[in-house]
């Protein structure tokens, strides 16, 4: 099981880590667009923004439904990132347990 289990858990952990960076990129792009640093009418910016939105919005929408909005500030990206870091650390501990249990 270690031959398949450990690499599979490492792959899932890597995907979670990439997803965290996609959330950060989505938020950063939203801020840059909002403050007029980048133009949303630019085709590349619009494409990247749309792609990041389609990938991150499903989980962010779930978190938004479950959390209040204090003072109009959207804390859902931060809450989701913290939850994903927790999940990533749990996967890391499972990997360590599987490696040492197999030895």
PDB file of N, CA and C in Angstrom:
ATOM      1  N   UNK A   1       0.818  -1.205   0.000  1.00  0.00           N
ATOM      2  CA  UNK A   1       0.000   0.000   0.000  1.00  0.00           C
ATOM      3  C   UNK A   1       0.857   1.262   0.000  1.00  0.00           C
ATOM      4  N   UNK A   2       2.048   1.174   0.604  1.00  0.00           N
ATOM      5  CA  UNK A   2       2.919   2.350   0.656  1.00  0.00           C
ATOM      6  C   UNK A   2       3.398   2.768  -0.725  1.00  0.00           C
ATOM      7  N   UNK A   3       3.532   1.786  -1.616  1.00  0.00           N
ATOM      8  CA  UNK A   3       4.028   2.087  -2.957  1.00  0.00           C
ATOM      9  C   UNK A   3       3.050   2.981  -3.701  1.00  0.00           C
ATOM     10  N   UNK A   4       1.764   2.783  -3.504  1.00  0.00           N
ATOM     11  CA  UNK A   4       0.752   3.599  -4.166  1.00  0.00           C
ATOM     12  C   UNK A   4       0.267   4.724  -3.247  1.00  0.00           C
ATOM     13  N   UNK A   5       0.117   4.422  -1.973  1.00  0.00           N
ATOM     14  CA  UNK A   5      -0.486   5.369  -1.031  1.00  0.00           C
ATOM     15  C   UNK A   5       0.309   6.641  -0.835  1.00  0.00           C
ATOM     16  N   UNK A   6       1.616   6.511  -0.602  1.00  0.00           N
ATOM     17  CA  UNK A   6       2.442   7.691  -0.331  1.00  0.00           C
ATOM     18  C   UNK A   6       2.500   8.626  -1.535  1.00  0.00           C
ATOM     19  N   UNK A   7       2.815   8.135  -2.749  1.00  0.00           N
ATOM     20  CA  UNK A   7       2.811   9.057  -3.893  1.00  0.00           C
ATOM     21  C   UNK A   7       1.440   9.676  -4.171  1.00  0.00           C
ATOM     22  N   UNK A   8       0.367   8.911  -3.934  1.00  0.00           N
ATOM     23  CA  UNK A   8      -0.972   9.441  -4.146  1.00  0.00           C
ATOM     24  C   UNK A   8      -1.269  10.569  -3.160  1.00  0.00           C
ATOM     25  N   UNK A   9      -0.917  10.369  -1.889  1.00  0.00           N
ATOM     26  CA  UNK A   9      -1.114  11.433  -0.893  1.00  0.00           C
ATOM     27  C   UNK A   9      -0.242  12.650  -1.202  1.00  0.00           C
ATOM     28  N   UNK A  10       0.975  12.417  -1.672  1.00  0.00           N
ATOM     29  CA  UNK A  10       1.843  13.535  -2.054  1.00  0.00           C
ATOM     30  C   UNK A  10       1.271  14.300  -3.247  1.00  0.00           C
ATOM     31  N   UNK A  11       0.681  13.595  -4.200  1.00  0.00           N
ATOM     32  CA  UNK A  11       0.046  14.250  -5.345  1.00  0.00           C
ATOM     33  C   UNK A  11      -1.139  15.094  -4.892  1.00  0.00           C
ATOM     34  N   UNK A  12      -1.971  14.547  -4.012  1.00  0.00           N
ATOM     35  CA  UNK A  12      -3.115  15.303  -3.502  1.00  0.00           C
ATOM     36  C   UNK A  12      -2.633  16.522  -2.735  1.00  0.00           C
ATOM     37  N   UNK A  13      -1.579  16.353  -1.948  1.00  0.00           N
ATOM     38  CA  UNK A  13      -1.019  17.484  -1.184  1.00  0.00           C
ATOM     39  C   UNK A  13      -0.494  18.571  -2.126  1.00  0.00           C
ATOM     40  N   UNK A  14       0.137  18.184  -3.210  1.00  0.00           N
ATOM     41  CA  UNK A  14       0.636  19.151  -4.191  1.00  0.00           C
ATOM     42  C   UNK A  14      -0.515  19.877  -4.871  1.00  0.00           C
ATOM     43  N   UNK A  15      -1.579  19.157  -5.201  1.00  0.00           N
ATOM     44  CA  UNK A  15      -2.749  19.782  -5.828  1.00  0.00           C
ATOM     45  C   UNK A  15      -3.387  20.796  -4.875  1.00  0.00           C
ATOM     46  N   UNK A  16      -3.468  20.444  -3.598  1.00  0.00           N
ATOM     47  CA  UNK A  16      -4.011  21.377  -2.602  1.00  0.00           C
ATOM     48  C   UNK A  16      -3.138  22.617  -2.529  1.00  0.00           C
ATOM     49  N   UNK A  17      -1.818  22.433  -2.544  1.00  0.00           N
ATOM     50  CA  UNK A  17      -0.900  23.578  -2.476  1.00  0.00           C
ATOM     51  C   UNK A  17      -1.040  24.477  -3.713  1.00  0.00           C
ATOM     52  N   UNK A  18      -1.186  23.894  -4.880  1.00  0.00           N
ATOM     53  CA  UNK A  18      -1.395  24.677  -6.104  1.00  0.00           C
ATOM     54  C   UNK A  18      -2.719  25.429  -6.033  1.00  0.00           C
ATOM     55  N   UNK A  19      -3.747  24.788  -5.491  1.00  0.00           N
ATOM     56  CA  UNK A  19      -5.061  25.432  -5.358  1.00  0.00           C
ATOM     57  C   UNK A  19      -4.981  26.638  -4.418  1.00  0.00           C
ATOM     58  N   UNK A  20      -4.188  26.525  -3.369  1.00  0.00           N
ATOM     59  CA  UNK A  20      -3.996  27.668  -2.458  1.00  0.00           C
ATOM     60  C   UNK A  20      -3.406  28.837  -3.229  1.00  0.00           C
ATOM     61  N   UNK A  21      -2.412  28.579  -4.049  1.00  0.00           N
ATOM     62  CA  UNK A  21      -1.808  29.658  -4.832  1.00  0.00           C
ATOM     63  C   UNK A  21      -2.781  30.222  -5.871  1.00  0.00           C
ATOM     64  N   UNK A  22      -3.677  29.390  -6.369  1.00  0.00           N
ATOM     65  CA  UNK A  22      -4.689  29.890  -7.296  1.00  0.00           C
ATOM     66  C   UNK A  22      -5.652  30.830  -6.583  1.00  0.00           C
ATOM     67  N   UNK A  23      -6.003  30.533  -5.345  1.00  0.00           N
ATOM     68  CA  UNK A  23      -6.865  31.433  -4.564  1.00  0.00           C
ATOM     69  C   UNK A  23      -6.152  32.760  -4.334  1.00  0.00           C
ATOM     70  N   UNK A  24      -4.883  32.699  -3.961  1.00  0.00           N
ATOM     71  CA  UNK A  24      -4.111  33.931  -3.741  1.00  0.00           C
ATOM     72  C   UNK A  24      -4.023  34.739  -5.028  1.00  0.00           C
ATOM     73  N   UNK A  25      -3.783  34.070  -6.150  1.00  0.00           N
ATOM     74  CA  UNK A  25      -3.714  34.765  -7.434  1.00  0.00           C
ATOM     75  C   UNK A  25      -5.038  35.386  -7.822  1.00  0.00           C
ATOM     76  N   UNK A  26      -6.132  34.688  -7.548  1.00  0.00           N
ATOM     77  CA  UNK A  26      -7.457  35.212  -7.867  1.00  0.00           C
ATOM     78  C   UNK A  26      -7.758  36.472  -7.060  1.00  0.00           C
ATOM     79  N   UNK A  27      -7.457  36.424  -5.782  1.00  0.00           N
ATOM     80  CA  UNK A  27      -7.690  37.600  -4.925  1.00  0.00           C
ATOM     81  C   UNK A  27      -6.801  38.762  -5.347  1.00  0.00           C
ATOM     82  N   UNK A  28      -5.530  38.474  -5.620  1.00  0.00           N
ATOM     83  CA  UNK A  28      -4.612  39.531  -6.044  1.00  0.00           C
ATOM     84  C   UNK A  28      -5.067  40.158  -7.359  1.00  0.00           C
ATOM     85  N   UNK A  29      -5.508  39.347  -8.296  1.00  0.00           N
ATOM     86  CA  UNK A  29      -5.985  39.874  -9.576  1.00  0.00           C
ATOM     87  C   UNK A  29      -7.249  40.708  -9.405  1.00  0.00           C
ATOM     88  N   UNK A  30      -8.137  40.283  -8.500  1.00  0.00           N
ATOM     89  CA  UNK A  30      -9.338  41.073  -8.219  1.00  0.00           C
ATOM     90  C   UNK A  30      -8.969  42.436  -7.645  1.00  0.00           C
ATOM     91  N   UNK A  31      -8.006  42.453  -6.718  1.00  0.00           N
ATOM     92  CA  UNK A  31      -7.572  43.725  -6.138  1.00  0.00           C
ATOM     93  C   UNK A  31      -6.914  44.619  -7.183  1.00  0.00           C
ATOM     94  N   UNK A  32      -6.046  44.029  -8.011  1.00  0.00           N
ATOM     95  CA  UNK A  32      -5.368  44.818  -9.042  1.00  0.00           C
ATOM     96  C   UNK A  32      -6.372  45.398 -10.029  1.00  0.00           C
ATOM     97  N   UNK A  33      -7.409  44.652 -10.358  1.00  0.00           N
ATOM     98  CA  UNK A  33      -8.452  45.156 -11.248  1.00  0.00           C
ATOM     99  C   UNK A  33      -9.262  46.242 -10.561  1.00  0.00           C
ATOM    100  N   UNK A  34      -9.589  46.019  -9.297  1.00  0.00           N
ATOM    101  CA  UNK A  34     -10.401  46.982  -8.557  1.00  0.00           C
ATOM    102  C   UNK A  34      -9.690  48.325  -8.391  1.00  0.00           C
ATOM    103  N   UNK A  35      -8.381  48.291  -8.178  1.00  0.00           N
ATOM    104  CA  UNK A  35      -7.631  49.531  -7.987  1.00  0.00           C
ATOM    105  C   UNK A  35      -7.101  50.117  -9.294  1.00  0.00           C
ATOM    106  N   UNK A  36      -7.462  49.512 -10.418  1.00  0.00           N
ATOM    107  CA  UNK A  36      -7.111  50.064 -11.715  1.00  0.00           C
ATOM    108  C   UNK A  36      -5.678  49.818 -12.143  1.00  0.00           C
ATOM    109  N   UNK A  37      -4.991  48.888 -11.516  1.00  0.00           N
ATOM    110  CA  UNK A  37      -3.614  48.590 -11.893  1.00  0.00           C
ATOM    111  C   UNK A  37      -3.581  47.787 -13.187  1.00  0.00           C
ATOM    112  N   UNK A  38      -4.492  46.836 -13.315  1.00  0.00           N
ATOM    113  CA  UNK A  38      -4.601  46.083 -14.564  1.00  0.00           C
ATOM    114  C   UNK A  38      -5.974  46.356 -15.166  1.00  0.00           C
ATOM    115  N   UNK A  39      -6.038  46.286 -16.467  1.00  0.00           N
ATOM    116  CA  UNK A  39      -7.267  46.555 -17.187  1.00  0.00           C
ATOM    117  C   UNK A  39      -7.987  45.247 -17.462  1.00  0.00           C
ATOM    118  N   UNK A  40      -9.198  45.126 -16.975  1.00  0.00           N
ATOM    119  CA  UNK A  40      -9.960  43.889 -17.152  1.00  0.00           C
ATOM    120  C   UNK A  40     -10.385  43.697 -18.615  1.00  0.00           C
ATOM    121  N   UNK A  41     -10.308  44.750 -19.414  1.00  0.00           N
ATOM    122  CA  UNK A  41     -10.654  44.624 -20.828  1.00  0.00           C
ATOM    123  C   UNK A  41      -9.521  44.009 -21.651  1.00  0.00           C
ATOM    124  N   UNK A  42      -8.336  43.892 -21.033  1.00  0.00           N
ATOM    125  CA  UNK A  42      -7.226  43.198 -21.679  1.00  0.00           C
ATOM    126  C   UNK A  42      -7.600  41.725 -21.798  1.00  0.00           C
ATOM    127  N   UNK A  43      -7.404  41.165 -22.971  1.00  0.00           N
ATOM    128  CA  UNK A  43      -7.852  39.793 -23.235  1.00  0.00           C
ATOM    129  C   UNK A  43      -7.156  38.772 -22.332  1.00  0.00           C
ATOM    130  N   UNK A  44      -5.865  38.927 -22.115  1.00  0.00           N
ATOM    131  CA  UNK A  44      -5.116  37.982 -21.277  1.00  0.00           C
ATOM    132  C   UNK A  44      -5.573  38.082 -19.828  1.00  0.00           C
ATOM    133  N   UNK A  45      -5.724  39.301 -19.329  1.00  0.00           N
ATOM    134  CA  UNK A  45      -6.178  39.499 -17.954  1.00  0.00           C
ATOM    135  C   UNK A  45      -7.576  38.923 -17.771  1.00  0.00           C
ATOM    136  N   UNK A  46      -8.447  39.162 -18.725  1.00  0.00           N
ATOM    137  CA  UNK A  46      -9.811  38.642 -18.640  1.00  0.00           C
ATOM    138  C   UNK A  46      -9.827  37.120 -18.663  1.00  0.00           C
ATOM    139  N   UNK A  47      -8.987  36.522 -19.491  1.00  0.00           N
ATOM    140  CA  UNK A  47      -8.933  35.064 -19.579  1.00  0.00           C
ATOM    141  C   UNK A  47      -8.404  34.451 -18.285  1.00  0.00           C
ATOM    142  N   UNK A  48      -7.327  35.009 -17.759  1.00  0.00           N
ATOM    143  CA  UNK A  48      -6.757  34.499 -16.506  1.00  0.00           C
ATOM    144  C   UNK A  48      -7.740  34.692 -15.361  1.00  0.00           C
ATOM    145  N   UNK A  49      -8.370  35.851 -15.310  1.00  0.00           N
ATOM    146  CA  UNK A  49      -9.336  36.127 -14.255  1.00  0.00           C
ATOM    147  C   UNK A  49     -10.520  35.172 -14.326  1.00  0.00           C
ATOM    148  N   UNK A  50     -11.007  34.926 -15.525  1.00  0.00           N
ATOM    149  CA  UNK A  50     -12.129  34.004 -15.701  1.00  0.00           C
ATOM    150  C   UNK A  50     -11.741  32.582 -15.304  1.00  0.00           C
ATOM    151  N   UNK A  51     -10.540  32.149 -15.704  1.00  0.00           N
ATOM    152  CA  UNK A  51     -10.085  30.803 -15.366  1.00  0.00           C
ATOM    153  C   UNK A  51      -9.943  30.638 -13.850  1.00  0.00           C
ATOM    154  N   UNK A  52      -9.287  31.608 -13.202  1.00  0.00           N
ATOM    155  CA  UNK A  52      -9.117  31.523 -11.753  1.00  0.00           C
ATOM    156  C   UNK A  52     -10.460  31.587 -11.038  1.00  0.00           C
ATOM    157  N   UNK A  53     -11.363  32.406 -11.531  1.00  0.00           N
ATOM    158  CA  UNK A  53     -12.682  32.501 -10.923  1.00  0.00           C
ATOM    159  C   UNK A  53     -13.457  31.203 -11.025  1.00  0.00           C
ATOM    160  N   UNK A  54     -13.397  30.565 -12.193  1.00  0.00           N
ATOM    161  CA  UNK A  54     -14.121  29.296 -12.380  1.00  0.00           C
ATOM    162  C   UNK A  54     -13.543  28.176 -11.513  1.00  0.00           C
ATOM    163  N   UNK A  55     -12.243  28.237 -11.255  1.00  0.00           N
ATOM    164  CA  UNK A  55     -11.615  27.183 -10.462  1.00  0.00           C
ATOM    165  C   UNK A  55     -11.763  27.398  -8.955  1.00  0.00           C
ATOM    166  N   UNK A  56     -11.758  28.647  -8.521  1.00  0.00           N
ATOM    167  CA  UNK A  56     -11.778  28.916  -7.080  1.00  0.00           C
ATOM    168  C   UNK A  56     -13.160  29.241  -6.534  1.00  0.00           C
ATOM    169  N   UNK A  57     -14.036  29.735  -7.360  1.00  0.00           N
ATOM    170  CA  UNK A  57     -15.341  30.205  -6.882  1.00  0.00           C
ATOM    171  C   UNK A  57     -16.230  29.116  -6.278  1.00  0.00           C
ATOM    172  N   UNK A  58     -16.228  27.878  -6.782  1.00  0.00           N
ATOM    173  CA  UNK A  58     -17.110  26.873  -6.160  1.00  0.00           C
ATOM    174  C   UNK A  58     -16.846  26.663  -4.666  1.00  0.00           C
ATOM    175  N   UNK A  59     -15.583  26.521  -4.273  1.00  0.00           N
ATOM    176  CA  UNK A  59     -15.279  26.350  -2.847  1.00  0.00           C
ATOM    177  C   UNK A  59     -15.454  27.647  -2.075  1.00  0.00           C
ATOM    178  N   UNK A  60     -15.105  28.772  -2.694  1.00  0.00           N
ATOM    179  CA  UNK A  60     -15.287  30.054  -2.014  1.00  0.00           C
ATOM    180  C   UNK A  60     -16.763  30.345  -1.764  1.00  0.00           C
ATOM    181  N   UNK A  61     -17.623  29.954  -2.677  1.00  0.00           N
ATOM    182  CA  UNK A  61     -19.068  30.172  -2.491  1.00  0.00           C
ATOM    183  C   UNK A  61     -19.591  29.374  -1.304  1.00  0.00           C
ATOM    184  N   UNK A  62     -19.100  28.159  -1.134  1.00  0.00           N
ATOM    185  CA  UNK A  62     -19.513  27.355   0.018  1.00  0.00           C
ATOM    186  C   UNK A  62     -19.084  28.023   1.312  1.00  0.00           C
ATOM    187  N   UNK A  63     -17.857  28.519   1.355  1.00  0.00           N
ATOM    188  CA  UNK A  63     -17.352  29.181   2.565  1.00  0.00           C
ATOM    189  C   UNK A  63     -18.124  30.478   2.809  1.00  0.00           C
ATOM    190  N   UNK A  64     -18.435  31.224   1.753  1.00  0.00           N
ATOM    191  CA  UNK A  64     -19.198  32.472   1.908  1.00  0.00           C
ATOM    192  C   UNK A  64     -20.573  32.225   2.513  1.00  0.00           C
ATOM    193  N   UNK A  65     -21.216  31.137   2.124  1.00  0.00           N
ATOM    194  CA  UNK A  65     -22.536  30.819   2.680  1.00  0.00           C
ATOM    195  C   UNK A  65     -22.464  30.500   4.162  1.00  0.00           C
ATOM    196  N   UNK A  66     -21.347  29.942   4.614  1.00  0.00           N
ATOM    197  CA  UNK A  66     -21.227  29.510   6.001  1.00  0.00           C
ATOM    198  C   UNK A  66     -20.678  30.585   6.930  1.00  0.00           C
ATOM    199  N   UNK A  67     -20.100  31.659   6.397  1.00  0.00           N
ATOM    200  CA  UNK A  67     -19.473  32.674   7.248  1.00  0.00           C
ATOM    201  C   UNK A  67     -20.165  34.024   7.087  1.00  0.00           C
ATOM    202  N   UNK A  68     -20.183  34.803   8.162  1.00  0.00           N
ATOM    203  CA  UNK A  68     -20.735  36.163   8.058  1.00  0.00           C
ATOM    204  C   UNK A  68     -19.736  37.103   7.394  1.00  0.00           C
ATOM    205  N   UNK A  69     -20.222  38.251   6.944  1.00  0.00           N
ATOM    206  CA  UNK A  69     -19.374  39.271   6.326  1.00  0.00           C
ATOM    207  C   UNK A  69     -19.236  40.446   7.287  1.00  0.00           C
ATOM    208  N   UNK A  70     -18.192  40.455   8.104  1.00  0.00           N
ATOM    209  CA  UNK A  70     -18.032  41.549   9.058  1.00  0.00           C
ATOM    210  C   UNK A  70     -17.617  42.847   8.362  1.00  0.00           C
ATOM    211  N   UNK A  71     -18.468  43.828   8.386  1.00  0.00           N
ATOM    212  CA  UNK A  71     -18.143  45.132   7.808  1.00  0.00           C
ATOM    213  C   UNK A  71     -17.963  45.112   6.307  1.00  0.00           C
ATOM    214  N   UNK A  72     -18.579  44.165   5.621  1.00  0.00           N
ATOM    215  CA  UNK A  72     -18.475  44.109   4.170  1.00  0.00           C
ATOM    216  C   UNK A  72     -17.181  43.516   3.661  1.00  0.00           C
ATOM    217  N   UNK A  73     -16.352  42.986   4.546  1.00  0.00           N
ATOM    218  CA  UNK A  73     -15.079  42.389   4.144  1.00  0.00           C
ATOM    219  C   UNK A  73     -15.301  40.901   3.897  1.00  0.00           C
ATOM    220  N   UNK A  74     -14.835  40.431   2.753  1.00  0.00           N
ATOM    221  CA  UNK A  74     -14.983  39.016   2.409  1.00  0.00           C
ATOM    222  C   UNK A  74     -13.781  38.249   2.957  1.00  0.00           C
ATOM    223  N   UNK A  75     -14.019  37.487   4.003  1.00  0.00           N
ATOM    224  CA  UNK A  75     -12.954  36.710   4.628  1.00  0.00           C
ATOM    225  C   UNK A  75     -12.892  35.280   4.112  1.00  0.00           C
ATOM    226  N   UNK A  76     -13.744  34.942   3.156  1.00  0.00           N
ATOM    227  CA  UNK A  76     -13.803  33.567   2.676  1.00  0.00           C
ATOM    228  C   UNK A  76     -12.483  33.057   2.081  1.00  0.00           C
ATOM    229  N   UNK A  77     -11.711  33.864   1.323  1.00  0.00           N
ATOM    230  CA  UNK A  77     -10.429  33.336   0.831  1.00  0.00           C
ATOM    231  C   UNK A  77      -9.470  32.976   1.966  1.00  0.00           C
ATOM    232  N   UNK A  78      -9.413  33.812   2.985  1.00  0.00           N
ATOM    233  CA  UNK A  78      -8.514  33.544   4.102  1.00  0.00           C
ATOM    234  C   UNK A  78      -8.948  32.292   4.865  1.00  0.00           C
ATOM    235  N   UNK A  79     -10.253  32.153   5.095  1.00  0.00           N
ATOM    236  CA  UNK A  79     -10.766  30.982   5.806  1.00  0.00           C
ATOM    237  C   UNK A  79     -10.507  29.716   4.992  1.00  0.00           C
ATOM    238  N   UNK A  80     -10.745  29.779   3.692  1.00  0.00           N
ATOM    239  CA  UNK A  80     -10.516  28.616   2.840  1.00  0.00           C
ATOM    240  C   UNK A  80      -9.035  28.254   2.787  1.00  0.00           C
ATOM    241  N   UNK A  81      -8.165  29.243   2.709  1.00  0.00           N
ATOM    242  CA  UNK A  81      -6.729  28.973   2.683  1.00  0.00           C
ATOM    243  C   UNK A  81      -6.288  28.313   3.988  1.00  0.00           C
ATOM    244  N   UNK A  82      -6.788  28.802   5.122  1.00  0.00           N
ATOM    245  CA  UNK A  82      -6.443  28.187   6.406  1.00  0.00           C
ATOM    246  C   UNK A  82      -6.939  26.746   6.470  1.00  0.00           C
ATOM    247  N   UNK A  83      -8.144  26.495   5.995  1.00  0.00           N
ATOM    248  CA  UNK A  83      -8.686  25.125   5.989  1.00  0.00           C
ATOM    249  C   UNK A  83      -7.866  24.219   5.069  1.00  0.00           C
ATOM    250  N   UNK A  84      -7.452  24.747   3.921  1.00  0.00           N
ATOM    251  CA  UNK A  84      -6.650  23.938   3.000  1.00  0.00           C
ATOM    252  C   UNK A  84      -5.255  23.670   3.557  1.00  0.00           C
ATOM    253  N   UNK A  85      -4.657  24.648   4.262  1.00  0.00           N
ATOM    254  CA  UNK A  85      -3.373  24.406   4.923  1.00  0.00           C
ATOM    255  C   UNK A  85      -3.512  23.323   5.988  1.00  0.00           C
ATOM    256  N   UNK A  86      -4.617  23.350   6.735  1.00  0.00           N
ATOM    257  CA  UNK A  86      -4.867  22.309   7.725  1.00  0.00           C
ATOM    258  C   UNK A  86      -4.948  20.943   7.048  1.00  0.00           C
ATOM    259  N   UNK A  87      -5.718  20.865   5.960  1.00  0.00           N
ATOM    260  CA  UNK A  87      -5.863  19.617   5.216  1.00  0.00           C
ATOM    261  C   UNK A  87      -4.519  19.152   4.661  1.00  0.00           C
ATOM    262  N   UNK A  88      -3.721  20.099   4.170  1.00  0.00           N
ATOM    263  CA  UNK A  88      -2.403  19.769   3.632  1.00  0.00           C
ATOM    264  C   UNK A  88      -1.497  19.203   4.728  1.00  0.00           C
ATOM    265  N   UNK A  89      -1.569  19.781   5.927  1.00  0.00           N
ATOM    266  CA  UNK A  89      -0.762  19.270   7.038  1.00  0.00           C
ATOM    267  C   UNK A  89      -1.230  17.889   7.489  1.00  0.00           C
ATOM    268  N   UNK A  90      -2.532  17.656   7.476  1.00  0.00           N
ATOM    269  CA  UNK A  90      -3.052  16.324   7.809  1.00  0.00           C
ATOM    270  C   UNK A  90      -2.534  15.302   6.804  1.00  0.00           C
ATOM    271  N   UNK A  91      -2.544  15.652   5.523  1.00  0.00           N
ATOM    272  CA  UNK A  91      -1.996  14.745   4.509  1.00  0.00           C
ATOM    273  C   UNK A  91      -0.518  14.484   4.755  1.00  0.00           C
ATOM    274  N   UNK A  92       0.218  15.529   5.144  1.00  0.00           N
ATOM    275  CA  UNK A  92       1.635  15.362   5.440  1.00  0.00           C
ATOM    276  C   UNK A  92       1.865  14.398   6.596  1.00  0.00           C
ATOM    277  N   UNK A  93       1.031  14.510   7.625  1.00  0.00           N
ATOM    278  CA  UNK A  93       1.160  13.597   8.764  1.00  0.00           C
ATOM    279  C   UNK A  93       0.804  12.166   8.360  1.00  0.00           C
ATOM    280  N   UNK A  94      -0.190  12.011   7.502  1.00  0.00           N
ATOM    281  CA  UNK A  94      -0.532  10.668   7.004  1.00  0.00           C
ATOM    282  C   UNK A  94       0.616  10.072   6.201  1.00  0.00           C
ATOM    283  N   UNK A  95       1.284  10.897   5.410  1.00  0.00           N
ATOM    284  CA  UNK A  95       2.421  10.425   4.636  1.00  0.00           C
ATOM    285  C   UNK A  95       3.531   9.954   5.566  1.00  0.00           C
ATOM    286  N   UNK A  96       3.821  10.752   6.588  1.00  0.00           N
ATOM    287  CA  UNK A  96       4.874  10.376   7.547  1.00  0.00           C
ATOM    288  C   UNK A  96       4.501   9.073   8.250  1.00  0.00           C
ATOM    289  N   UNK A  97       3.245   8.951   8.665  1.00  0.00           N
ATOM    290  CA  UNK A  97       2.808   7.721   9.326  1.00  0.00           C
ATOM    291  C   UNK A  97       2.929   6.507   8.424  1.00  0.00           C
ATOM    292  N   UNK A  98       2.564   6.668   7.146  1.00  0.00           N
ATOM    293  CA  UNK A  98       2.651   5.550   6.219  1.00  0.00           C
ATOM    294  C   UNK A  98       4.109   5.149   5.959  1.00  0.00           C
ATOM    295  N   UNK A  99       4.977   6.137   5.876  1.00  0.00           N
ATOM    296  CA  UNK A  99       6.386   5.853   5.610  1.00  0.00           C
ATOM    297  C   UNK A  99       7.010   5.122   6.801  1.00  0.00           C
ATOM    298  N   UNK A 100       6.751   5.615   8.018  1.00  0.00           N
ATOM    299  CA  UNK A 100       7.339   4.973   9.195  1.00  0.00           C
ATOM    300  C   UNK A 100       6.668   3.664   9.550  1.00  0.00           C
ATOM    301  N   UNK A 101       5.398   3.491   9.193  1.00  0.00           N
ATOM    302  CA  UNK A 101       4.715   2.221   9.457  1.00  0.00           C
ATOM    303  C   UNK A 101       5.226   1.146   8.514  1.00  0.00           C
ATOM    304  N   UNK A 102       5.645   1.539   7.321  1.00  0.00           N
ATOM    305  CA  UNK A 102       6.140   0.582   6.355  1.00  0.00           C
ATOM    306  C   UNK A 102       7.570   0.158   6.608  1.00  0.00           C
ATOM    307  N   UNK A 103       8.308   0.934   7.412  1.00  0.00           N
ATOM    308  CA  UNK A 103       9.714   0.617   7.671  1.00  0.00           C
ATOM    309  C   UNK A 103       9.882  -0.513   8.641  1.00  0.00           C
TER     310      UNK A 103
END
